[in-house]
PDB file of all heavy atoms in Angstrom:
ATOM      1  N   VAL A   1      -3.990  63.660  -8.176  1.00  0.00           N
ATOM      2  CA  VAL A   1      -2.591  63.321  -8.415  1.00  0.00           C
ATOM      3  C   VAL A   1      -1.785  64.611  -8.572  1.00  0.00           C
ATOM      4  O   VAL A   1      -2.054  65.424  -9.463  1.00  0.00           O
ATOM      5  CB  VAL A   1      -2.437  62.454  -9.692  1.00  0.00           C
ATOM      6  CG1 VAL A   1      -0.957  62.167  -9.983  1.00  0.00           C
ATOM      7  CG2 VAL A   1      -3.216  61.157  -9.527  1.00  0.00           C
ATOM      8  N   LEU A   2      -0.836  64.793  -7.696  1.00  0.00           N
ATOM      9  CA  LEU A   2       0.094  65.940  -7.762  1.00  0.00           C
ATOM     10  C   LEU A   2       1.475  65.394  -8.064  1.00  0.00           C
ATOM     11  O   LEU A   2       2.068  64.719  -7.237  1.00  0.00           O
ATOM     12  CB  LEU A   2       0.112  66.701  -6.412  1.00  0.00           C
ATOM     13  CG  LEU A   2      -1.254  67.228  -5.938  1.00  0.00           C
ATOM     14  CD1 LEU A   2      -1.144  67.727  -4.488  1.00  0.00           C
ATOM     15  CD2 LEU A   2      -1.737  68.333  -6.841  1.00  0.00           C
ATOM     16  N   ARG A   3       1.965  65.665  -9.260  1.00  0.00           N
ATOM     17  CA  ARG A   3       3.171  64.977  -9.710  1.00  0.00           C
ATOM     18  C   ARG A   3       4.201  65.954 -10.281  1.00  0.00           C
ATOM     19  O   ARG A   3       3.948  67.138 -10.477  1.00  0.00           O
ATOM     20  CB  ARG A   3       2.787  63.978 -10.807  1.00  0.00           C
ATOM     21  CG  ARG A   3       2.346  64.649 -12.100  1.00  0.00           C
ATOM     22  CD  ARG A   3       2.008  63.634 -13.180  1.00  0.00           C
ATOM     23  NE  ARG A   3       1.625  64.279 -14.404  1.00  0.00           N
ATOM     24  CZ  ARG A   3       1.079  63.694 -15.439  1.00  0.00           C
ATOM     25  NH1 ARG A   3       0.811  62.399 -15.401  1.00  0.00           N
ATOM     26  NH2 ARG A   3       0.748  64.362 -16.531  1.00  0.00           N
ATOM     27  N   GLY A   4       5.402  65.355 -10.506  1.00  0.00           N
ATOM     28  CA  GLY A   4       6.521  66.177 -11.005  1.00  0.00           C
ATOM     29  C   GLY A   4       7.072  67.076  -9.940  1.00  0.00           C
ATOM     30  O   GLY A   4       7.794  68.021 -10.218  1.00  0.00           O
ATOM     31  N   MET A   5       6.785  66.772  -8.656  1.00  0.00           N
ATOM     32  CA  MET A   5       7.055  67.667  -7.542  1.00  0.00           C
ATOM     33  C   MET A   5       8.076  67.096  -6.579  1.00  0.00           C
ATOM     34  O   MET A   5       8.219  67.572  -5.456  1.00  0.00           O
ATOM     35  CB  MET A   5       5.736  68.034  -6.833  1.00  0.00           C
ATOM     36  CG  MET A   5       4.754  68.734  -7.729  1.00  0.00           C
ATOM     37  SD  MET A   5       3.026  68.722  -7.171  1.00  0.00           S
ATOM     38  CE  MET A   5       3.177  69.466  -5.539  1.00  0.00           C
ATOM     39  N   GLY A   6       8.774  66.025  -6.987  1.00  0.00           N
ATOM     40  CA  GLY A   6       9.781  65.418  -6.138  1.00  0.00           C
ATOM     41  C   GLY A   6      11.097  66.192  -6.140  1.00  0.00           C
ATOM     42  O   GLY A   6      11.182  67.271  -6.731  1.00  0.00           O
ATOM     43  N   PRO A   7      12.117  65.647  -5.474  1.00  0.00           N
ATOM     44  CA  PRO A   7      13.384  66.368  -5.348  1.00  0.00           C
ATOM     45  C   PRO A   7      13.979  66.779  -6.695  1.00  0.00           C
ATOM     46  O   PRO A   7      14.507  67.886  -6.855  1.00  0.00           O
ATOM     47  CB  PRO A   7      14.291  65.376  -4.629  1.00  0.00           C
ATOM     48  CG  PRO A   7      13.349  64.522  -3.860  1.00  0.00           C
ATOM     49  CD  PRO A   7      12.124  64.404  -4.693  1.00  0.00           C
ATOM     50  N   ARG A   8      13.897  65.904  -7.693  1.00  0.00           N
ATOM     51  CA  ARG A   8      14.427  66.238  -8.994  1.00  0.00           C
ATOM     52  C   ARG A   8      13.453  67.065  -9.843  1.00  0.00           C
ATOM     53  O   ARG A   8      13.826  67.913 -10.610  1.00  0.00           O
ATOM     54  CB  ARG A   8      14.784  64.956  -9.772  1.00  0.00           C
ATOM     55  CG  ARG A   8      15.985  64.221  -9.176  1.00  0.00           C
ATOM     56  CD  ARG A   8      16.312  62.982  -9.983  1.00  0.00           C
ATOM     57  NE  ARG A   8      17.532  62.345  -9.501  1.00  0.00           N
ATOM     58  CZ  ARG A   8      17.994  61.202  -9.974  1.00  0.00           C
ATOM     59  NH1 ARG A   8      17.349  60.549 -10.914  1.00  0.00           N
ATOM     60  NH2 ARG A   8      19.111  60.689  -9.461  1.00  0.00           N
ATOM     61  N   GLY A   9      12.171  66.770  -9.694  1.00  0.00           N
ATOM     62  CA  GLY A   9      11.180  67.430 -10.517  1.00  0.00           C
ATOM     63  C   GLY A   9      10.879  68.857 -10.160  1.00  0.00           C
ATOM     64  O   GLY A   9      10.459  69.636 -11.015  1.00  0.00           O
ATOM     65  N   GLY A  10      11.096  69.223  -8.884  1.00  0.00           N
ATOM     66  CA  GLY A  10      10.774  70.580  -8.464  1.00  0.00           C
ATOM     67  C   GLY A  10      11.549  71.651  -9.189  1.00  0.00           C
ATOM     68  O   GLY A  10      10.947  72.561  -9.779  1.00  0.00           O
ATOM     69  N   PRO A  11      12.891  71.633  -9.195  1.00  0.00           N
ATOM     70  CA  PRO A  11      13.689  70.806  -8.291  1.00  0.00           C
ATOM     71  C   PRO A  11      13.597  71.305  -6.859  1.00  0.00           C
ATOM     72  O   PRO A  11      13.277  72.474  -6.623  1.00  0.00           O
ATOM     73  CB  PRO A  11      15.110  70.998  -8.831  1.00  0.00           C
ATOM     74  CG  PRO A  11      15.109  72.369  -9.409  1.00  0.00           C
ATOM     75  CD  PRO A  11      13.717  72.579  -9.961  1.00  0.00           C
ATOM     76  N   GLY A  12      13.891  70.430  -5.930  1.00  0.00           N
ATOM     77  CA  GLY A  12      13.573  70.709  -4.555  1.00  0.00           C
ATOM     78  C   GLY A  12      12.115  70.301  -4.382  1.00  0.00           C
ATOM     79  O   GLY A  12      11.249  70.716  -5.177  1.00  0.00           O
ATOM     80  N   THR A  13      11.797  69.470  -3.431  1.00  0.00           N
ATOM     81  CA  THR A  13      10.468  68.919  -3.333  1.00  0.00           C
ATOM     82  C   THR A  13       9.418  70.031  -3.161  1.00  0.00           C
ATOM     83  O   THR A  13       9.538  70.874  -2.259  1.00  0.00           O
ATOM     84  CB  THR A  13      10.373  67.965  -2.149  1.00  0.00           C
ATOM     85  OG1 THR A  13      11.523  67.126  -2.159  1.00  0.00           O
ATOM     86  CG2 THR A  13       9.149  67.100  -2.246  1.00  0.00           C
ATOM     87  N   VAL A  14       8.394  70.037  -4.035  1.00  0.00           N
ATOM     88  CA  VAL A  14       7.366  71.081  -4.033  1.00  0.00           C
ATOM     89  C   VAL A  14       6.234  70.681  -3.097  1.00  0.00           C
ATOM     90  O   VAL A  14       5.818  69.530  -3.031  1.00  0.00           O
ATOM     91  CB  VAL A  14       6.830  71.280  -5.472  1.00  0.00           C
ATOM     92  CG1 VAL A  14       5.852  72.458  -5.499  1.00  0.00           C
ATOM     93  CG2 VAL A  14       7.985  71.538  -6.434  1.00  0.00           C
ATOM     94  N   PHE A  15       5.696  71.654  -2.397  1.00  0.00           N
ATOM     95  CA  PHE A  15       4.639  71.411  -1.412  1.00  0.00           C
ATOM     96  C   PHE A  15       3.398  70.802  -2.054  1.00  0.00           C
ATOM     97  O   PHE A  15       2.859  71.332  -3.036  1.00  0.00           O
ATOM     98  CB  PHE A  15       4.272  72.718  -0.730  1.00  0.00           C
ATOM     99  CG  PHE A  15       4.490  72.720   0.745  1.00  0.00           C
ATOM    100  CD1 PHE A  15       5.408  71.860   1.356  1.00  0.00           C
ATOM    101  CD2 PHE A  15       3.798  73.596   1.573  1.00  0.00           C
ATOM    102  CE1 PHE A  15       5.645  71.861   2.721  1.00  0.00           C
ATOM    103  CE2 PHE A  15       4.019  73.627   2.946  1.00  0.00           C
ATOM    104  CZ  PHE A  15       4.931  72.775   3.518  1.00  0.00           C
ATOM    105  N   ALA A  16       2.961  69.678  -1.504  1.00  0.00           N
ATOM    106  CA  ALA A  16       1.617  69.152  -1.742  1.00  0.00           C
ATOM    107  C   ALA A  16       0.801  69.201  -0.466  1.00  0.00           C
ATOM    108  O   ALA A  16      -0.398  68.974  -0.465  1.00  0.00           O
ATOM    109  CB  ALA A  16       1.676  67.722  -2.257  1.00  0.00           C
ATOM    110  N   ALA A  17       1.498  69.519   0.647  1.00  0.00           N
ATOM    111  CA  ALA A  17       0.901  69.447   1.969  1.00  0.00           C
ATOM    112  C   ALA A  17      -0.236  70.435   2.171  1.00  0.00           C
ATOM    113  O   ALA A  17      -1.235  70.118   2.823  1.00  0.00           O
ATOM    114  CB  ALA A  17       1.984  69.649   3.030  1.00  0.00           C
ATOM    115  N   SER A  18      -0.088  71.620   1.624  1.00  0.00           N
ATOM    116  CA  SER A  18      -1.122  72.636   1.862  1.00  0.00           C
ATOM    117  C   SER A  18      -2.406  72.246   1.168  1.00  0.00           C
ATOM    118  O   SER A  18      -3.510  72.555   1.680  1.00  0.00           O
ATOM    119  CB  SER A  18      -0.643  74.014   1.350  1.00  0.00           C
ATOM    120  OG  SER A  18       0.488  74.439   2.084  1.00  0.00           O
ATOM    121  N   PHE A  19      -2.320  71.613   0.010  1.00  0.00           N
ATOM    122  CA  PHE A  19      -3.551  71.156  -0.655  1.00  0.00           C
ATOM    123  C   PHE A  19      -4.235  70.087   0.201  1.00  0.00           C
ATOM    124  O   PHE A  19      -5.480  70.127   0.350  1.00  0.00           O
ATOM    125  CB  PHE A  19      -3.253  70.591  -2.031  1.00  0.00           C
ATOM    126  CG  PHE A  19      -4.437  69.891  -2.625  1.00  0.00           C
ATOM    127  CD1 PHE A  19      -5.515  70.610  -3.079  1.00  0.00           C
ATOM    128  CD2 PHE A  19      -4.501  68.496  -2.678  1.00  0.00           C
ATOM    129  CE1 PHE A  19      -6.641  69.974  -3.573  1.00  0.00           C
ATOM    130  CE2 PHE A  19      -5.600  67.845  -3.175  1.00  0.00           C
ATOM    131  CZ  PHE A  19      -6.699  68.591  -3.630  1.00  0.00           C
ATOM    132  N   VAL A  20      -3.489  69.153   0.752  1.00  0.00           N
ATOM    133  CA  VAL A  20      -4.099  68.115   1.600  1.00  0.00           C
ATOM    134  C   VAL A  20      -4.792  68.743   2.783  1.00  0.00           C
ATOM    135  O   VAL A  20      -5.910  68.363   3.151  1.00  0.00           O
ATOM    136  CB  VAL A  20      -3.047  67.091   2.036  1.00  0.00           C
ATOM    137  CG1 VAL A  20      -3.669  66.044   2.949  1.00  0.00           C
ATOM    138  CG2 VAL A  20      -2.419  66.400   0.840  1.00  0.00           C
ATOM    139  N   ALA A  21      -4.130  69.727   3.418  1.00  0.00           N
ATOM    140  CA  ALA A  21      -4.736  70.419   4.549  1.00  0.00           C
ATOM    141  C   ALA A  21      -6.010  71.170   4.124  1.00  0.00           C
ATOM    142  O   ALA A  21      -7.032  71.125   4.822  1.00  0.00           O
ATOM    143  CB  ALA A  21      -3.730  71.393   5.167  1.00  0.00           C
ATOM    144  N   ALA A  22      -5.950  71.821   2.965  1.00  0.00           N
ATOM    145  CA  ALA A  22      -7.101  72.541   2.448  1.00  0.00           C
ATOM    146  C   ALA A  22      -8.267  71.605   2.147  1.00  0.00           C
ATOM    147  O   ALA A  22      -9.428  71.913   2.371  1.00  0.00           O
ATOM    148  CB  ALA A  22      -6.735  73.324   1.206  1.00  0.00           C
ATOM    149  N   LEU A  23      -7.922  70.420   1.606  1.00  0.00           N
ATOM    150  CA  LEU A  23      -8.927  69.415   1.298  1.00  0.00           C
ATOM    151  C   LEU A  23      -9.655  68.998   2.578  1.00  0.00           C
ATOM    152  O   LEU A  23     -10.902  68.905   2.598  1.00  0.00           O
ATOM    153  CB  LEU A  23      -8.225  68.226   0.671  1.00  0.00           C
ATOM    154  CG  LEU A  23      -9.117  67.149  -0.026  1.00  0.00           C
ATOM    155  CD1 LEU A  23      -9.737  67.714  -1.292  1.00  0.00           C
ATOM    156  CD2 LEU A  23      -8.268  65.929  -0.350  1.00  0.00           C
ATOM    157  N   ASN A  24      -8.935  68.758   3.643  1.00  0.00           N
ATOM    158  CA  ASN A  24      -9.547  68.389   4.921  1.00  0.00           C
ATOM    159  C   ASN A  24     -10.372  69.545   5.479  1.00  0.00           C
ATOM    160  O   ASN A  24     -11.465  69.356   5.996  1.00  0.00           O
ATOM    161  CB  ASN A  24      -8.488  67.950   5.908  1.00  0.00           C
ATOM    162  CG  ASN A  24      -7.902  66.604   5.565  1.00  0.00           C
ATOM    163  OD1 ASN A  24      -8.610  65.686   5.196  1.00  0.00           O
ATOM    164  ND2 ASN A  24      -6.585  66.451   5.731  1.00  0.00           N
ATOM    165  N   GLY A  25      -9.825  70.772   5.329  1.00  0.00           N
ATOM    166  CA  GLY A  25     -10.553  71.928   5.827  1.00  0.00           C
ATOM    167  C   GLY A  25     -11.843  72.151   5.084  1.00  0.00           C
ATOM    168  O   GLY A  25     -12.805  72.692   5.644  1.00  0.00           O
ATOM    169  N   ALA A  26     -11.895  71.742   3.821  1.00  0.00           N
ATOM    170  CA  ALA A  26     -13.095  71.896   3.017  1.00  0.00           C
ATOM    171  C   ALA A  26     -14.097  70.768   3.241  1.00  0.00           C
ATOM    172  O   ALA A  26     -15.185  70.748   2.625  1.00  0.00           O
ATOM    173  CB  ALA A  26     -12.737  71.971   1.524  1.00  0.00           C
ATOM    174  N   GLY A  27     -13.736  69.816   4.097  1.00  0.00           N
ATOM    175  CA  GLY A  27     -14.634  68.707   4.392  1.00  0.00           C
ATOM    176  C   GLY A  27     -14.633  67.576   3.429  1.00  0.00           C
ATOM    177  O   GLY A  27     -15.500  66.704   3.455  1.00  0.00           O
ATOM    178  N   LEU A  28     -13.622  67.531   2.525  1.00  0.00           N
ATOM    179  CA  LEU A  28     -13.566  66.469   1.527  1.00  0.00           C
ATOM    180  C   LEU A  28     -12.510  65.412   1.813  1.00  0.00           C
ATOM    181  O   LEU A  28     -12.313  64.474   1.040  1.00  0.00           O
ATOM    182  CB  LEU A  28     -13.272  67.068   0.126  1.00  0.00           C
ATOM    183  CG  LEU A  28     -14.464  67.727  -0.565  1.00  0.00           C
ATOM    184  CD1 LEU A  28     -13.998  68.453  -1.822  1.00  0.00           C
ATOM    185  CD2 LEU A  28     -15.537  66.692  -0.911  1.00  0.00           C
TER     186      LEU A  28
END
């Protein structure tokens, strides 16, 4: 769970995309 990273919480939406890519790259 990656949270508090939306438009208001960042503020400005914070990247969760690189973690998802890293997760796939790590085979998980």
